[in-house]
Amino acid sequence: MSHADNPELHKRLRRAEGHLNSVVRMVCEGRDCLAIAQQMQAVIKALEKSKQMLILDHIDHHLEDVTGPLSPNEQEKIAVFREIVKYL
């Protein structure tokens, strides 16, 4: 499955889109700055999670296409790499 077919990624991106639409609406309505900033933070978090998911999906589905089957030792190193990606 590629990222184009990943329903969880699509769900996260739609969530980010919804938060962003809320920010635009709140700005147009002249809503409180604190509320807008909080909603903007929700957009940022949703996009960060989507980005992580996209990168991990790419690692999971395309790395072996390039390298061939991975040994257990190599798989363990990739597992560590996947953990590090969470901090991007």
N, C-alpha and C. Protein backbone atom coordinates (compact mmCIF):
# COMPACT_ATOMS: atom_id res chain seq x y z
N MET A 1 0.85 -1.18 0.00
CA MET A 1 0.00 0.00 0.00
C MET A 1 0.90 1.24 0.00
N SER A 2 0.60 2.18 -0.84
CA SER A 2 1.35 3.44 -0.88
C SER A 2 0.62 4.48 -0.04
N HIS A 3 1.27 5.61 0.15
CA HIS A 3 0.64 6.68 0.93
C HIS A 3 -0.65 7.16 0.27
N ALA A 4 -0.75 7.00 -1.04
CA ALA A 4 -1.97 7.41 -1.74
C ALA A 4 -3.17 6.58 -1.30
N ASP A 5 -2.91 5.37 -0.81
CA ASP A 5 -3.98 4.47 -0.39
C ASP A 5 -4.08 4.32 1.13
N ASN A 6 -3.36 5.15 1.87
CA ASN A 6 -3.32 5.03 3.33
C ASN A 6 -4.47 5.81 3.96
N PRO A 7 -5.51 5.12 4.43
CA PRO A 7 -6.68 5.83 4.96
C PRO A 7 -6.36 6.64 6.22
N GLU A 8 -5.42 6.18 7.02
CA GLU A 8 -5.07 6.93 8.24
C GLU A 8 -4.39 8.25 7.89
N LEU A 9 -3.55 8.24 6.86
CA LEU A 9 -2.90 9.48 6.42
C LEU A 9 -3.94 10.44 5.88
N HIS A 10 -4.86 9.94 5.08
CA HIS A 10 -5.93 10.79 4.54
C HIS A 10 -6.76 11.39 5.68
N LYS A 11 -7.05 10.58 6.69
CA LYS A 11 -7.83 11.05 7.84
C LYS A 11 -7.11 12.18 8.56
N ARG A 12 -5.81 12.00 8.78
CA ARG A 12 -5.04 13.04 9.47
C ARG A 12 -4.97 14.33 8.64
N LEU A 13 -4.80 14.19 7.34
CA LEU A 13 -4.75 15.39 6.50
C LEU A 13 -6.10 16.10 6.45
N ARG A 14 -7.18 15.34 6.43
CA ARG A 14 -8.51 15.97 6.48
C ARG A 14 -8.73 16.68 7.82
N ARG A 15 -8.19 16.10 8.88
CA ARG A 15 -8.29 16.75 10.19
C ARG A 15 -7.54 18.08 10.17
N ALA A 16 -6.34 18.09 9.61
CA ALA A 16 -5.56 19.33 9.50
C ALA A 16 -6.30 20.35 8.66
N GLU A 17 -6.90 19.89 7.58
CA GLU A 17 -7.67 20.77 6.70
C GLU A 17 -8.84 21.39 7.47
N GLY A 18 -9.52 20.60 8.26
CA GLY A 18 -10.63 21.10 9.05
C GLY A 18 -10.18 22.15 10.06
N HIS A 19 -9.05 21.89 10.73
CA HIS A 19 -8.51 22.87 11.67
C HIS A 19 -8.15 24.17 10.96
N LEU A 20 -7.53 24.05 9.78
CA LEU A 20 -7.14 25.25 9.04
C LEU A 20 -8.37 26.04 8.59
N ASN A 21 -9.39 25.34 8.13
CA ASN A 21 -10.63 26.02 7.76
C ASN A 21 -11.21 26.77 8.95
N SER A 22 -11.09 26.18 10.14
CA SER A 22 -11.57 26.85 11.35
C SER A 22 -10.78 28.12 11.63
N VAL A 23 -9.47 28.06 11.42
CA VAL A 23 -8.63 29.24 11.64
C VAL A 23 -9.05 30.36 10.71
N VAL A 24 -9.23 30.06 9.44
CA VAL A 24 -9.63 31.08 8.47
C VAL A 24 -10.97 31.69 8.88
N ARG A 25 -11.91 30.85 9.25
CA ARG A 25 -13.23 31.33 9.66
C ARG A 25 -13.12 32.22 10.91
N MET A 26 -12.31 31.78 11.87
CA MET A 26 -12.15 32.54 13.11
C MET A 26 -11.53 33.91 12.85
N VAL A 27 -10.54 33.97 11.96
CA VAL A 27 -9.91 35.25 11.63
C VAL A 27 -10.93 36.17 10.97
N CYS A 28 -11.69 35.63 10.01
CA CYS A 28 -12.70 36.43 9.31
C CYS A 28 -13.78 36.94 10.26
N GLU A 29 -14.08 36.17 11.30
CA GLU A 29 -15.09 36.57 12.27
C GLU A 29 -14.54 37.50 13.35
N GLY A 30 -13.22 37.73 13.33
CA GLY A 30 -12.61 38.60 14.33
C GLY A 30 -12.55 37.97 15.71
N ARG A 31 -12.42 36.66 15.76
CA ARG A 31 -12.40 35.94 17.04
C ARG A 31 -11.15 36.28 17.84
N ASP A 32 -11.17 35.90 19.08
CA ASP A 32 -10.10 36.14 20.04
C ASP A 32 -8.77 35.55 19.56
N CYS A 33 -7.69 36.32 19.74
CA CYS A 33 -6.36 35.91 19.29
C CYS A 33 -5.92 34.60 19.95
N LEU A 34 -6.19 34.44 21.23
CA LEU A 34 -5.80 33.22 21.92
C LEU A 34 -6.48 31.99 21.30
N ALA A 35 -7.76 32.10 21.02
CA ALA A 35 -8.49 30.98 20.42
C ALA A 35 -7.94 30.66 19.03
N ILE A 36 -7.60 31.69 18.27
CA ILE A 36 -7.04 31.48 16.93
C ILE A 36 -5.67 30.81 17.04
N ALA A 37 -4.84 31.29 17.96
CA ALA A 37 -3.51 30.71 18.14
C ALA A 37 -3.61 29.25 18.56
N GLN A 38 -4.56 28.92 19.42
CA GLN A 38 -4.75 27.53 19.83
C GLN A 38 -5.16 26.67 18.64
N GLN A 39 -6.03 27.18 17.81
CA GLN A 39 -6.47 26.44 16.64
C GLN A 39 -5.32 26.28 15.64
N MET A 40 -4.49 27.32 15.52
CA MET A 40 -3.31 27.22 14.64
C MET A 40 -2.37 26.13 15.14
N GLN A 41 -2.23 26.03 16.45
CA GLN A 41 -1.39 24.98 17.01
C GLN A 41 -1.94 23.60 16.66
N ALA A 42 -3.24 23.46 16.65
CA ALA A 42 -3.87 22.19 16.25
C ALA A 42 -3.55 21.87 14.80
N VAL A 43 -3.53 22.90 13.94
CA VAL A 43 -3.16 22.70 12.52
C VAL A 43 -1.72 22.20 12.43
N ILE A 44 -0.84 22.86 13.15
CA ILE A 44 0.58 22.50 13.11
C ILE A 44 0.79 21.06 13.59
N LYS A 45 0.16 20.71 14.69
CA LYS A 45 0.30 19.34 15.24
C LYS A 45 -0.25 18.31 14.26
N ALA A 46 -1.39 18.59 13.68
CA ALA A 46 -1.99 17.64 12.73
C ALA A 46 -1.08 17.46 11.51
N LEU A 47 -0.48 18.54 11.04
CA LEU A 47 0.44 18.43 9.90
C LEU A 47 1.73 17.70 10.28
N GLU A 48 2.23 17.96 11.49
CA GLU A 48 3.43 17.26 11.94
C GLU A 48 3.19 15.76 12.01
N LYS A 49 2.07 15.36 12.55
CA LYS A 49 1.72 13.94 12.64
C LYS A 49 1.56 13.34 11.24
N SER A 50 0.96 14.09 10.34
CA SER A 50 0.80 13.62 8.96
C SER A 50 2.15 13.45 8.29
N LYS A 51 3.05 14.38 8.52
CA LYS A 51 4.39 14.31 7.94
C LYS A 51 5.12 13.08 8.46
N GLN A 52 5.06 12.85 9.76
CA GLN A 52 5.70 11.67 10.33
C GLN A 52 5.13 10.39 9.72
N MET A 53 3.82 10.34 9.61
CA MET A 53 3.18 9.16 9.06
C MET A 53 3.62 8.94 7.60
N LEU A 54 3.69 9.99 6.83
CA LEU A 54 4.10 9.90 5.44
C LEU A 54 5.53 9.36 5.34
N ILE A 55 6.43 9.89 6.16
CA ILE A 55 7.83 9.45 6.13
C ILE A 55 7.94 7.99 6.55
N LEU A 56 7.26 7.62 7.63
CA LEU A 56 7.31 6.23 8.08
C LEU A 56 6.69 5.29 7.04
N ASP A 57 5.62 5.72 6.43
CA ASP A 57 5.00 4.92 5.38
C ASP A 57 5.98 4.70 4.23
N HIS A 58 6.70 5.74 3.88
CA HIS A 58 7.68 5.63 2.81
C HIS A 58 8.78 4.65 3.18
N ILE A 59 9.29 4.77 4.40
CA ILE A 59 10.32 3.84 4.86
C ILE A 59 9.81 2.41 4.80
N ASP A 60 8.62 2.19 5.33
CA ASP A 60 8.06 0.85 5.41
C ASP A 60 7.81 0.22 4.05
N HIS A 61 7.42 1.03 3.08
CA HIS A 61 6.97 0.46 1.81
C HIS A 61 7.96 0.59 0.66
N HIS A 62 9.01 1.37 0.83
CA HIS A 62 9.90 1.58 -0.31
C HIS A 62 11.36 1.23 -0.04
N LEU A 63 11.74 1.10 1.19
CA LEU A 63 13.14 0.82 1.49
C LEU A 63 13.57 -0.53 0.93
N GLU A 64 12.78 -1.56 1.17
CA GLU A 64 13.15 -2.89 0.68
C GLU A 64 13.08 -2.97 -0.84
N ASP A 65 12.32 -2.09 -1.47
CA ASP A 65 12.31 -2.05 -2.94
C ASP A 65 13.69 -1.69 -3.47
N VAL A 66 14.40 -0.86 -2.72
CA VAL A 66 15.72 -0.40 -3.14
C VAL A 66 16.80 -1.37 -2.68
N THR A 67 16.70 -1.84 -1.45
CA THR A 67 17.79 -2.64 -0.87
C THR A 67 17.61 -4.14 -1.02
N GLY A 68 16.39 -4.57 -1.26
CA GLY A 68 16.09 -5.99 -1.20
C GLY A 68 15.73 -6.37 0.23
N PRO A 69 15.47 -7.64 0.48
CA PRO A 69 15.07 -8.07 1.83
C PRO A 69 16.12 -7.69 2.87
N LEU A 70 15.65 -7.24 4.02
CA LEU A 70 16.55 -6.81 5.09
C LEU A 70 16.77 -7.95 6.08
N SER A 71 18.00 -8.03 6.58
CA SER A 71 18.32 -9.01 7.62
C SER A 71 17.67 -8.57 8.93
N PRO A 72 17.55 -9.48 9.89
CA PRO A 72 17.01 -9.08 11.20
C PRO A 72 17.79 -7.93 11.83
N ASN A 73 19.10 -7.92 11.69
CA ASN A 73 19.92 -6.84 12.23
C ASN A 73 19.58 -5.52 11.55
N GLU A 74 19.43 -5.54 10.24
CA GLU A 74 19.08 -4.33 9.50
C GLU A 74 17.67 -3.87 9.87
N GLN A 75 16.76 -4.81 10.04
CA GLN A 75 15.39 -4.45 10.45
C GLN A 75 15.39 -3.78 11.82
N GLU A 76 16.26 -4.25 12.71
CA GLU A 76 16.36 -3.64 14.04
C GLU A 76 16.87 -2.19 13.92
N LYS A 77 17.84 -1.98 13.04
CA LYS A 77 18.36 -0.62 12.84
C LYS A 77 17.28 0.29 12.24
N ILE A 78 16.48 -0.25 11.35
CA ILE A 78 15.39 0.53 10.77
C ILE A 78 14.35 0.86 11.84
N ALA A 79 14.10 -0.07 12.75
CA ALA A 79 13.16 0.19 13.84
C ALA A 79 13.63 1.37 14.70
N VAL A 80 14.93 1.45 14.94
CA VAL A 80 15.49 2.58 15.69
C VAL A 80 15.33 3.86 14.88
N PHE A 81 15.59 3.78 13.59
CA PHE A 81 15.43 4.94 12.72
C PHE A 81 13.98 5.43 12.75
N ARG A 82 13.03 4.51 12.73
CA ARG A 82 11.61 4.86 12.78
C ARG A 82 11.30 5.63 14.07
N GLU A 83 11.92 5.22 15.16
CA GLU A 83 11.71 5.91 16.43
C GLU A 83 12.27 7.33 16.37
N ILE A 84 13.43 7.47 15.75
CA ILE A 84 14.06 8.80 15.64
C ILE A 84 13.19 9.73 14.81
N VAL A 85 12.54 9.20 13.77
CA VAL A 85 11.70 10.01 12.89
C VAL A 85 10.59 10.70 13.68
N LYS A 86 10.17 10.11 14.78
CA LYS A 86 9.11 10.72 15.59
C LYS A 86 9.49 12.11 16.10
N TYR A 87 10.78 12.39 16.13
CA TYR A 87 11.24 13.66 16.65
C TYR A 87 11.47 14.71 15.56
N LEU A 88 11.13 14.37 14.33
CA LEU A 88 11.24 15.36 13.25
C LEU A 88 10.14 16.39 13.36
